[in-house]
Structure formats: structure tokens, C-alpha cells
PDB file of all heavy atoms in Angstrom:
ATOM      1  N   TYR A   1     -30.525   4.602  10.204  1.00  0.00           N
ATOM      2  CA  TYR A   1     -29.482   5.133   9.322  1.00  0.00           C
ATOM      3  C   TYR A   1     -29.524   4.419   7.970  1.00  0.00           C
ATOM      4  O   TYR A   1     -29.435   5.053   6.910  1.00  0.00           O
ATOM      5  CB  TYR A   1     -28.108   4.955   9.965  1.00  0.00           C
ATOM      6  CG  TYR A   1     -26.957   5.279   9.043  1.00  0.00           C
ATOM      7  CD1 TYR A   1     -26.516   6.591   8.892  1.00  0.00           C
ATOM      8  CD2 TYR A   1     -26.331   4.281   8.296  1.00  0.00           C
ATOM      9  CE1 TYR A   1     -25.470   6.900   8.034  1.00  0.00           C
ATOM     10  CE2 TYR A   1     -25.288   4.572   7.435  1.00  0.00           C
ATOM     11  CZ  TYR A   1     -24.857   5.882   7.301  1.00  0.00           C
ATOM     12  OH  TYR A   1     -23.833   6.176   6.445  1.00  0.00           O
ATOM     13  N   VAL A   2     -29.668   3.094   7.999  1.00  0.00           N
ATOM     14  CA  VAL A   2     -29.734   2.322   6.755  1.00  0.00           C
ATOM     15  C   VAL A   2     -30.944   2.747   5.934  1.00  0.00           C
ATOM     16  O   VAL A   2     -30.852   2.915   4.704  1.00  0.00           O
ATOM     17  CB  VAL A   2     -29.778   0.803   7.060  1.00  0.00           C
ATOM     18  CG1 VAL A   2     -30.141   0.011   5.811  1.00  0.00           C
ATOM     19  CG2 VAL A   2     -28.434   0.332   7.610  1.00  0.00           C
ATOM     20  N   LEU A   3     -32.081   2.915   6.582  1.00  0.00           N
ATOM     21  CA  LEU A   3     -33.288   3.347   5.861  1.00  0.00           C
ATOM     22  C   LEU A   3     -33.063   4.697   5.181  1.00  0.00           C
ATOM     23  O   LEU A   3     -33.409   4.878   4.003  1.00  0.00           O
ATOM     24  CB  LEU A   3     -34.476   3.436   6.817  1.00  0.00           C
ATOM     25  CG  LEU A   3     -35.033   2.122   7.373  1.00  0.00           C
ATOM     26  CD1 LEU A   3     -36.226   2.404   8.279  1.00  0.00           C
ATOM     27  CD2 LEU A   3     -35.436   1.172   6.261  1.00  0.00           C
ATOM     28  N   ALA A   4     -32.483   5.630   5.908  1.00  0.00           N
ATOM     29  CA  ALA A   4     -32.254   6.961   5.331  1.00  0.00           C
ATOM     30  C   ALA A   4     -31.243   6.892   4.187  1.00  0.00           C
ATOM     31  O   ALA A   4     -31.403   7.563   3.160  1.00  0.00           O
ATOM     32  CB  ALA A   4     -31.749   7.918   6.421  1.00  0.00           C
ATOM     33  N   PHE A   5     -30.217   6.077   4.362  1.00  0.00           N
ATOM     34  CA  PHE A   5     -29.183   5.926   3.335  1.00  0.00           C
ATOM     35  C   PHE A   5     -29.774   5.329   2.063  1.00  0.00           C
ATOM     36  O   PHE A   5     -29.515   5.812   0.951  1.00  0.00           O
ATOM     37  CB  PHE A   5     -28.071   5.020   3.881  1.00  0.00           C
ATOM     38  CG  PHE A   5     -26.827   4.973   3.046  1.00  0.00           C
ATOM     39  CD1 PHE A   5     -25.744   5.788   3.343  1.00  0.00           C
ATOM     40  CD2 PHE A   5     -26.722   4.116   1.962  1.00  0.00           C
ATOM     41  CE1 PHE A   5     -24.588   5.754   2.577  1.00  0.00           C
ATOM     42  CE2 PHE A   5     -25.575   4.071   1.190  1.00  0.00           C
ATOM     43  CZ  PHE A   5     -24.504   4.894   1.498  1.00  0.00           C
ATOM     44  N   VAL A   6     -30.597   4.286   2.221  1.00  0.00           N
ATOM     45  CA  VAL A   6     -31.206   3.624   1.064  1.00  0.00           C
ATOM     46  C   VAL A   6     -32.214   4.546   0.390  1.00  0.00           C
ATOM     47  O   VAL A   6     -32.296   4.594  -0.843  1.00  0.00           O
ATOM     48  CB  VAL A   6     -31.857   2.288   1.487  1.00  0.00           C
ATOM     49  CG1 VAL A   6     -32.731   1.723   0.372  1.00  0.00           C
ATOM     50  CG2 VAL A   6     -30.780   1.282   1.890  1.00  0.00           C
ATOM     51  N   ARG A   7     -32.960   5.299   1.176  1.00  0.00           N
ATOM     52  CA  ARG A   7     -33.893   6.266   0.582  1.00  0.00           C
ATOM     53  C   ARG A   7     -33.143   7.264  -0.301  1.00  0.00           C
ATOM     54  O   ARG A   7     -33.589   7.617  -1.386  1.00  0.00           O
ATOM     55  CB  ARG A   7     -34.651   7.019   1.683  1.00  0.00           C
ATOM     56  CG  ARG A   7     -35.896   6.344   2.178  1.00  0.00           C
ATOM     57  CD  ARG A   7     -36.814   7.333   2.876  1.00  0.00           C
ATOM     58  NE  ARG A   7     -36.120   8.005   3.975  1.00  0.00           N
ATOM     59  CZ  ARG A   7     -36.281   7.688   5.260  1.00  0.00           C
ATOM     60  NH1 ARG A   7     -37.093   6.714   5.600  1.00  0.00           N
ATOM     61  NH2 ARG A   7     -35.622   8.343   6.197  1.00  0.00           N
ATOM     62  N   ARG A   8     -32.001   7.719   0.193  1.00  0.00           N
ATOM     63  CA  ARG A   8     -31.247   8.745  -0.531  1.00  0.00           C
ATOM     64  C   ARG A   8     -30.609   8.201  -1.797  1.00  0.00           C
ATOM     65  O   ARG A   8     -30.676   8.825  -2.858  1.00  0.00           O
ATOM     66  CB  ARG A   8     -30.170   9.329   0.384  1.00  0.00           C
ATOM     67  CG  ARG A   8     -29.282  10.393  -0.284  1.00  0.00           C
ATOM     68  CD  ARG A   8     -28.408  11.100   0.735  1.00  0.00           C
ATOM     69  NE  ARG A   8     -27.467  10.189   1.365  1.00  0.00           N
ATOM     70  CZ  ARG A   8     -26.289   9.847   0.840  1.00  0.00           C
ATOM     71  NH1 ARG A   8     -25.920  10.343  -0.335  1.00  0.00           N
ATOM     72  NH2 ARG A   8     -25.474   9.030   1.481  1.00  0.00           N
ATOM     73  N   LEU A   9     -29.981   7.015  -1.708  1.00  0.00           N
ATOM     74  CA  LEU A   9     -29.235   6.490  -2.855  1.00  0.00           C
ATOM     75  C   LEU A   9     -30.089   5.638  -3.790  1.00  0.00           C
ATOM     76  O   LEU A   9     -29.810   5.565  -4.998  1.00  0.00           O
ATOM     77  CB  LEU A   9     -28.035   5.662  -2.364  1.00  0.00           C
ATOM     78  CG  LEU A   9     -26.652   6.226  -2.736  1.00  0.00           C
ATOM     79  CD1 LEU A   9     -26.484   7.602  -2.117  1.00  0.00           C
ATOM     80  CD2 LEU A   9     -25.543   5.296  -2.241  1.00  0.00           C
ATOM     81  N   TYR A  10     -31.113   4.985  -3.232  1.00  0.00           N
ATOM     82  CA  TYR A  10     -31.861   4.011  -4.033  1.00  0.00           C
ATOM     83  C   TYR A  10     -33.368   4.253  -4.029  1.00  0.00           C
ATOM     84  O   TYR A  10     -34.140   3.345  -4.373  1.00  0.00           O
ATOM     85  CB  TYR A  10     -31.589   2.590  -3.513  1.00  0.00           C
ATOM     86  CG  TYR A  10     -30.135   2.207  -3.560  1.00  0.00           C
ATOM     87  CD1 TYR A  10     -29.357   2.187  -2.408  1.00  0.00           C
ATOM     88  CD2 TYR A  10     -29.522   1.861  -4.765  1.00  0.00           C
ATOM     89  CE1 TYR A  10     -28.018   1.829  -2.438  1.00  0.00           C
ATOM     90  CE2 TYR A  10     -28.184   1.505  -4.817  1.00  0.00           C
ATOM     91  CZ  TYR A  10     -27.439   1.496  -3.647  1.00  0.00           C
ATOM     92  OH  TYR A  10     -26.112   1.144  -3.687  1.00  0.00           O
ATOM     93  N   GLY A  11     -33.792   5.449  -3.631  1.00  0.00           N
ATOM     94  CA  GLY A  11     -35.228   5.716  -3.598  1.00  0.00           C
ATOM     95  C   GLY A  11     -35.914   5.447  -4.915  1.00  0.00           C
ATOM     96  O   GLY A  11     -37.063   4.978  -4.951  1.00  0.00           O
ATOM     97  N   ASN A  12     -35.208   5.680  -6.030  1.00  0.00           N
ATOM     98  CA  ASN A  12     -35.812   5.459  -7.348  1.00  0.00           C
ATOM     99  C   ASN A  12     -35.909   3.979  -7.705  1.00  0.00           C
ATOM    100  O   ASN A  12     -36.593   3.614  -8.668  1.00  0.00           O
ATOM    101  CB  ASN A  12     -34.997   6.178  -8.427  1.00  0.00           C
ATOM    102  CG  ASN A  12     -33.570   5.668  -8.502  1.00  0.00           C
ATOM    103  OD1 ASN A  12     -32.933   5.419  -7.474  1.00  0.00           O
ATOM    104  ND2 ASN A  12     -33.041   5.513  -9.706  1.00  0.00           N
ATOM    105  N   LEU A  13     -35.232   3.101  -6.939  1.00  0.00           N
ATOM    106  CA  LEU A  13     -35.271   1.660  -7.233  1.00  0.00           C
ATOM    107  C   LEU A  13     -36.247   0.903  -6.332  1.00  0.00           C
ATOM    108  O   LEU A  13     -36.580  -0.256  -6.625  1.00  0.00           O
ATOM    109  CB  LEU A  13     -33.872   1.042  -7.070  1.00  0.00           C
ATOM    110  CG  LEU A  13     -32.743   1.630  -7.918  1.00  0.00           C
ATOM    111  CD1 LEU A  13     -31.478   0.783  -7.760  1.00  0.00           C
ATOM    112  CD2 LEU A  13     -33.141   1.712  -9.382  1.00  0.00           C
ATOM    113  N   LEU A  14     -36.681   1.522  -5.244  1.00  0.00           N
ATOM    114  CA  LEU A  14     -37.584   0.837  -4.323  1.00  0.00           C
ATOM    115  C   LEU A  14     -38.954   0.656  -4.962  1.00  0.00           C
ATOM    116  O   LEU A  14     -39.463   1.558  -5.636  1.00  0.00           O
ATOM    117  CB  LEU A  14     -37.721   1.642  -3.031  1.00  0.00           C
ATOM    118  CG  LEU A  14     -36.458   1.784  -2.178  1.00  0.00           C
ATOM    119  CD1 LEU A  14     -36.710   2.759  -1.034  1.00  0.00           C
ATOM    120  CD2 LEU A  14     -36.011   0.428  -1.649  1.00  0.00           C
ATOM    121  N   ASN A  15     -39.565  -0.520  -4.724  1.00  0.00           N
ATOM    122  CA  ASN A  15     -40.909  -0.748  -5.266  1.00  0.00           C
ATOM    123  C   ASN A  15     -41.968  -0.305  -4.255  1.00  0.00           C
ATOM    124  O   ASN A  15     -41.651   0.154  -3.153  1.00  0.00           O
ATOM    125  CB  ASN A  15     -41.095  -2.211  -5.684  1.00  0.00           C
ATOM    126  CG  ASN A  15     -41.004  -3.178  -4.515  1.00  0.00           C
ATOM    127  OD1 ASN A  15     -41.229  -2.817  -3.357  1.00  0.00           O
ATOM    128  ND2 ASN A  15     -40.683  -4.432  -4.816  1.00  0.00           N
ATOM    129  N   GLU A  16     -43.200  -0.459  -4.633  1.00  0.00           N
ATOM    130  CA  GLU A  16     -44.300   0.045  -3.797  1.00  0.00           C
ATOM    131  C   GLU A  16     -44.321  -0.621  -2.431  1.00  0.00           C
ATOM    132  O   GLU A  16     -44.545   0.036  -1.404  1.00  0.00           O
ATOM    133  CB  GLU A  16     -45.630  -0.185  -4.526  1.00  0.00           C
ATOM    134  CG  GLU A  16     -46.832   0.376  -3.786  1.00  0.00           C
ATOM    135  CD  GLU A  16     -48.131   0.187  -4.567  1.00  0.00           C
ATOM    136  OE1 GLU A  16     -48.057  -0.147  -5.772  1.00  0.00           O
ATOM    137  OE2 GLU A  16     -49.206   0.365  -3.964  1.00  0.00           O
ATOM    138  N   ALA A  17     -44.080  -1.946  -2.390  1.00  0.00           N
ATOM    139  CA  ALA A  17     -44.116  -2.677  -1.121  1.00  0.00           C
ATOM    140  C   ALA A  17     -43.004  -2.211  -0.190  1.00  0.00           C
ATOM    141  O   ALA A  17     -43.196  -2.114   1.036  1.00  0.00           O
ATOM    142  CB  ALA A  17     -43.999  -4.181  -1.379  1.00  0.00           C
ATOM    143  N   GLU A  18     -41.846  -1.916  -0.741  1.00  0.00           N
ATOM    144  CA  GLU A  18     -40.721  -1.472   0.081  1.00  0.00           C
ATOM    145  C   GLU A  18     -40.947  -0.070   0.633  1.00  0.00           C
ATOM    146  O   GLU A  18     -40.640   0.220   1.797  1.00  0.00           O
ATOM    147  CB  GLU A  18     -39.428  -1.553  -0.740  1.00  0.00           C
ATOM    148  CG  GLU A  18     -39.012  -3.001  -1.007  1.00  0.00           C
ATOM    149  CD  GLU A  18     -38.295  -3.206  -2.330  1.00  0.00           C
ATOM    150  OE1 GLU A  18     -37.980  -2.215  -3.018  1.00  0.00           O
ATOM    151  OE2 GLU A  18     -38.067  -4.382  -2.695  1.00  0.00           O
ATOM    152  N   TRP A  19     -41.506   0.813  -0.192  1.00  0.00           N
ATOM    153  CA  TRP A  19     -41.859   2.144   0.295  1.00  0.00           C
ATOM    154  C   TRP A  19     -42.951   2.052   1.360  1.00  0.00           C
ATOM    155  O   TRP A  19     -42.935   2.785   2.355  1.00  0.00           O
ATOM    156  CB  TRP A  19     -42.327   3.026  -0.849  1.00  0.00           C
ATOM    157  CG  TRP A  19     -41.235   3.768  -1.541  1.00  0.00           C
ATOM    158  CD1 TRP A  19     -40.830   3.630  -2.835  1.00  0.00           C
ATOM    159  CD2 TRP A  19     -40.390   4.764  -0.966  1.00  0.00           C
ATOM    160  NE1 TRP A  19     -39.780   4.474  -3.109  1.00  0.00           N
ATOM    161  CE2 TRP A  19     -39.493   5.190  -1.978  1.00  0.00           C
ATOM    162  CE3 TRP A  19     -40.298   5.348   0.305  1.00  0.00           C
ATOM    163  CZ2 TRP A  19     -38.525   6.152  -1.755  1.00  0.00           C
ATOM    164  CZ3 TRP A  19     -39.333   6.309   0.529  1.00  0.00           C
ATOM    165  CH2 TRP A  19     -38.456   6.707  -0.495  1.00  0.00           C
ATOM    166  N   ASP A  20     -43.905   1.143   1.162  1.00  0.00           N
ATOM    167  CA  ASP A  20     -44.987   0.955   2.132  1.00  0.00           C
ATOM    168  C   ASP A  20     -44.412   0.510   3.476  1.00  0.00           C
ATOM    169  O   ASP A  20     -44.828   1.002   4.536  1.00  0.00           O
ATOM    170  CB  ASP A  20     -45.979  -0.080   1.611  1.00  0.00           C
ATOM    171  CG  ASP A  20     -47.131  -0.307   2.574  1.00  0.00           C
ATOM    172  OD1 ASP A  20     -47.813   0.667   2.924  1.00  0.00           O
ATOM    173  OD2 ASP A  20     -47.333  -1.476   2.992  1.00  0.00           O
ATOM    174  N   PHE A  21     -43.450  -0.415   3.436  1.00  0.00           N
ATOM    175  CA  PHE A  21     -42.816  -0.866   4.677  1.00  0.00           C
ATOM    176  C   PHE A  21     -42.140   0.303   5.391  1.00  0.00           C
ATOM    177  O   PHE A  21     -42.320   0.500   6.602  1.00  0.00           O
ATOM    178  CB  PHE A  21     -41.779  -1.951   4.397  1.00  0.00           C
ATOM    179  CG  PHE A  21     -40.838  -2.177   5.542  1.00  0.00           C
ATOM    180  CD1 PHE A  21     -41.234  -2.882   6.658  1.00  0.00           C
ATOM    181  CD2 PHE A  21     -39.557  -1.624   5.522  1.00  0.00           C
ATOM    182  CE1 PHE A  21     -40.379  -3.056   7.737  1.00  0.00           C
ATOM    183  CE2 PHE A  21     -38.692  -1.796   6.585  1.00  0.00           C
ATOM    184  CZ  PHE A  21     -39.096  -2.514   7.700  1.00  0.00           C
ATOM    185  N   ILE A  22     -41.354   1.081   4.659  1.00  0.00           N
ATOM    186  CA  ILE A  22     -40.621   2.199   5.276  1.00  0.00           C
ATOM    187  C   ILE A  22     -41.594   3.196   5.898  1.00  0.00           C
ATOM    188  O   ILE A  22     -41.426   3.629   7.046  1.00  0.00           O
ATOM    189  CB  ILE A  22     -39.732   2.891   4.228  1.00  0.00           C
ATOM    190  CG1 ILE A  22     -38.598   1.960   3.789  1.00  0.00           C
ATOM    191  CG2 ILE A  22     -39.148   4.185   4.792  1.00  0.00           C
ATOM    192  CD1 ILE A  22     -37.767   2.494   2.645  1.00  0.00           C
ATOM    193  N   ASN A  23     -42.649   3.550   5.170  1.00  0.00           N
ATOM    194  CA  ASN A  23     -43.607   4.546   5.672  1.00  0.00           C
ATOM    195  C   ASN A  23     -44.351   4.035   6.902  1.00  0.00           C
ATOM    196  O   ASN A  23     -44.552   4.775   7.875  1.00  0.00           O
ATOM    197  CB  ASN A  23     -44.599   4.927   4.573  1.00  0.00           C
ATOM    198  CG  ASN A  23     -43.924   5.686   3.434  1.00  0.00           C
ATOM    199  OD1 ASN A  23     -42.944   6.399   3.644  1.00  0.00           O
ATOM    200  ND2 ASN A  23     -44.450   5.538   2.227  1.00  0.00           N
ATOM    201  N   ARG A  24     -44.742   2.771   6.883  1.00  0.00           N
ATOM    202  CA  ARG A  24     -45.468   2.204   8.018  1.00  0.00           C
ATOM    203  C   ARG A  24     -44.543   2.001   9.218  1.00  0.00           C
ATOM    204  O   ARG A  24     -44.964   2.182  10.372  1.00  0.00           O
ATOM    205  CB  ARG A  24     -46.135   0.901   7.614  1.00  0.00           C
ATOM    206  CG  ARG A  24     -47.290   1.097   6.637  1.00  0.00           C
ATOM    207  CD  ARG A  24     -47.791  -0.216   6.062  1.00  0.00           C
ATOM    208  NE  ARG A  24     -48.307  -1.120   7.079  1.00  0.00           N
ATOM    209  CZ  ARG A  24     -48.795  -2.334   6.822  1.00  0.00           C
ATOM    210  NH1 ARG A  24     -48.823  -2.779   5.565  1.00  0.00           N
ATOM    211  NH2 ARG A  24     -49.245  -3.104   7.791  1.00  0.00           N
TER     212      ARG A  24
END
């Protein structure tokens, strides 16, 4: 739930490493 919430509200602020973590 936290991952989905952060993706929705802060997806534009996440850096490459954070997106890589979520995807993996």
C-alpha cells in the first residue's frame, strides 16, 4: 500500500535507484 501511495503522490520525485528498487 505504501509503495502504491508513494508512486501515486511522489512518482515524479523518486530517483532512478528508488524506482529500480520498486520494480525489482
